[in-house]
Protein backbone atom coordinates (compact mmCIF):
# COMPACT_ATOMS: atom_id res chain seq x y z
CA UNK A 1 -10.95 -8.91 22.11
CA UNK A 2 -7.82 -6.74 21.75
CA UNK A 3 -8.13 -3.07 21.00
CA UNK A 4 -5.68 -0.45 20.14
CA UNK A 5 -5.83 2.70 22.32
CA UNK A 6 -7.35 4.65 19.54
CA UNK A 7 -10.02 1.79 19.08
CA UNK A 8 -10.80 1.84 22.79
CA UNK A 9 -11.04 5.61 22.92
CA UNK A 10 -13.65 5.72 19.90
CA UNK A 11 -15.65 2.78 21.43
CA UNK A 12 -15.73 4.31 24.87
CA UNK A 13 -15.97 7.98 23.81
CA UNK A 14 -12.98 8.91 25.89
CA UNK A 15 -9.87 10.61 24.64
CA UNK A 16 -6.57 8.68 24.20
CA UNK A 17 -4.84 11.07 26.46
CA UNK A 18 -7.46 10.36 29.07
CA UNK A 19 -6.81 6.62 28.86
CA UNK A 20 -3.25 7.13 29.20
CA UNK A 21 -3.76 9.25 32.14
CA UNK A 22 -5.93 6.74 33.86
CA UNK A 23 -3.35 4.00 33.24
CA UNK A 24 -0.68 6.32 34.48
CA UNK A 25 -2.66 6.96 37.66
CA UNK A 26 -3.21 3.13 38.22
CA UNK A 27 -6.99 3.28 37.67
CA UNK A 28 -6.54 1.22 34.37
CA UNK A 29 -4.02 -1.68 34.55
CA UNK A 30 -1.24 -1.49 32.04
CA UNK A 31 -2.18 -2.73 28.70
CA UNK A 32 -0.20 -5.63 26.94
CA UNK A 33 2.12 -4.61 24.13
CA UNK A 34 1.86 -5.95 20.65
CA UNK A 35 4.93 -6.97 18.76
CA UNK A 36 4.83 -3.50 17.04
CA UNK A 37 4.79 -1.90 20.74
CA UNK A 38 1.13 -0.84 20.47
CA UNK A 39 -0.88 -0.85 23.63
CA UNK A 40 -3.57 -3.56 23.35
CA UNK A 41 -6.71 -3.46 25.69
CA UNK A 42 -9.12 -6.06 26.48
CA UNK A 43 -12.78 -6.36 27.61
CA UNK A 44 -11.74 -5.88 31.22
CA UNK A 45 -10.15 -2.46 30.33
CA UNK A 46 -13.18 -1.45 28.59
CA UNK A 47 -15.42 -2.36 31.41
CA UNK A 48 -13.16 -0.72 33.87
CA UNK A 49 -12.98 2.38 31.73
CA UNK A 50 -16.87 2.49 31.66
CA UNK A 51 -16.92 2.32 35.45
CA UNK A 52 -14.37 5.09 35.86
CA UNK A 53 -16.23 7.37 33.40
CA UNK A 54 -19.50 6.73 35.19
CA UNK A 55 -17.97 7.53 38.44
CA UNK A 56 -16.50 10.86 36.81
CA UNK A 57 -19.97 11.73 35.38
CA UNK A 58 -21.00 11.71 39.12
CA UNK A 59 -18.19 14.18 39.68
CA UNK A 60 -16.20 11.89 41.87
CA UNK A 61 -12.51 12.49 42.38
CA UNK A 62 -9.76 10.21 41.41
CA UNK A 63 -9.20 9.15 44.98
CA UNK A 64 -12.87 8.31 45.56
CA UNK A 65 -12.76 6.26 42.15
CA UNK A 66 -9.41 4.70 43.41
CA UNK A 67 -11.09 3.56 46.64
CA UNK A 68 -14.31 2.25 44.84
CA UNK A 69 -12.12 0.32 42.46
CA UNK A 70 -10.23 -1.38 45.36
CA UNK A 71 -13.71 -2.67 46.58
CA UNK A 72 -14.79 -3.63 43.02
CA UNK A 73 -11.63 -5.60 42.64
CA UNK A 74 -12.47 -7.51 46.14
CA UNK A 75 -16.12 -8.72 45.38
CA UNK A 76 -16.19 -10.55 48.64
CA UNK A 77 -15.70 -7.62 50.87
CA UNK A 78 -18.69 -5.94 52.55
CA UNK A 79 -19.82 -2.74 50.88
CA UNK A 80 -20.23 -0.75 54.11
CA UNK A 81 -17.19 1.45 53.03
CA UNK A 82 -18.45 1.92 49.60
CA UNK A 83 -21.67 3.24 51.29
CA UNK A 84 -19.49 5.58 53.37
CA UNK A 85 -17.52 6.87 50.39
CA UNK A 86 -20.79 7.67 48.62
CA UNK A 87 -22.38 9.32 51.71
CA UNK A 88 -19.35 11.57 52.06
CA UNK A 89 -19.56 12.45 48.45
CA UNK A 90 -23.18 13.24 48.82
CA UNK A 91 -22.42 15.59 51.67
CA UNK A 92 -19.65 17.21 49.50
CA UNK A 93 -22.20 17.72 46.60
CA UNK A 94 -24.85 19.20 49.09
CA UNK A 95 -21.99 21.48 50.41
CA UNK A 96 -21.22 22.64 46.73
CA UNK A 97 -24.98 23.18 45.97
CA UNK A 98 -25.29 25.49 48.99
CA UNK A 99 -22.09 27.43 47.80
CA UNK A 100 -23.56 27.72 44.34
CA UNK A 101 -26.84 28.88 45.78
CA UNK A 102 -25.00 31.70 47.62
CA UNK A 103 -22.99 32.58 44.45
CA UNK A 104 -26.18 32.83 42.65
CA UNK A 105 -27.63 35.37 45.23
CA UNK A 106 -24.29 37.31 45.07
CA UNK A 107 -24.48 37.46 41.20
CA UNK A 108 -28.10 38.37 41.23
CA UNK A 109 -27.35 41.25 43.78
CA UNK A 110 -24.47 42.39 41.56
CA UNK A 111 -26.81 42.30 38.49
CA UNK A 112 -29.15 44.59 40.29
CA UNK A 113 -26.49 47.33 40.26
CA UNK A 114 -27.12 48.04 36.65
CA UNK A 115 -30.74 47.88 35.34
CA UNK A 116 -30.39 50.57 32.56
CA UNK A 117 -27.48 50.32 29.94
CA UNK A 118 -25.04 53.33 30.66
CA UNK A 119 -21.39 54.12 29.73
CA UNK A 120 -18.85 51.75 31.08
CA UNK A 121 -17.53 54.47 33.43
CA UNK A 122 -20.98 54.70 34.99
CA UNK A 123 -21.84 51.00 35.24
CA UNK A 124 -22.88 49.92 38.64
CA UNK A 125 -21.66 46.29 38.08
CA UNK A 126 -18.19 47.32 37.02
CA UNK A 127 -18.00 49.74 39.86
CA UNK A 128 -19.04 47.15 42.41
CA UNK A 129 -16.61 44.67 41.11
CA UNK A 130 -13.70 47.26 41.55
CA UNK A 131 -14.46 47.68 45.05
CA UNK A 132 -14.30 45.81 48.17
CA UNK A 133 -18.11 46.58 48.71
CA UNK A 134 -19.77 43.30 49.52
CA UNK A 135 -16.58 41.20 49.40
CA UNK A 136 -15.51 38.91 52.08
CA UNK A 137 -13.37 35.85 52.29
CA UNK A 138 -16.83 34.00 52.74
CA UNK A 139 -18.01 35.35 49.42
CA UNK A 140 -15.09 33.87 47.64
CA UNK A 141 -16.30 30.37 48.08
CA UNK A 142 -14.47 27.54 46.20
CA UNK A 143 -13.33 30.28 43.53
CA UNK A 144 -11.40 32.29 45.78
CA UNK A 145 -8.13 30.18 45.65
CA UNK A 146 -7.52 30.36 41.92
CA UNK A 147 -8.77 30.64 38.35
CA UNK A 148 -10.46 28.16 36.16
């Protein structure tokens, strides 16, 4: 089977730009080129893209996926390190859940500052957000370093 990039994108539910990105990052091997210089992908590309997308759906980083692909490409190797990668990812997820639980508590507390609609100048939520009350570097969590 030979698919052009648009066909692979449609079949996999993945954006063309994402496929190019995965190829540029070395997660997908380079496609062969047609005489018209179109990228042509085979079954192995589609299977590998499915693997990558599944890993991404589990919120794995590109680094983690790259490591897992090394083991996938060496099926004779033991999966001990695969287990270690997943254990580390599970720990990371548990930490994020803890951070999100703390964030939920902070937001609930913030919401308690305004139970009745008032003029914006009297809004307890806006007042609290404009002060350092209740703010510490601990409260910034993973959102403290930048924006979405």
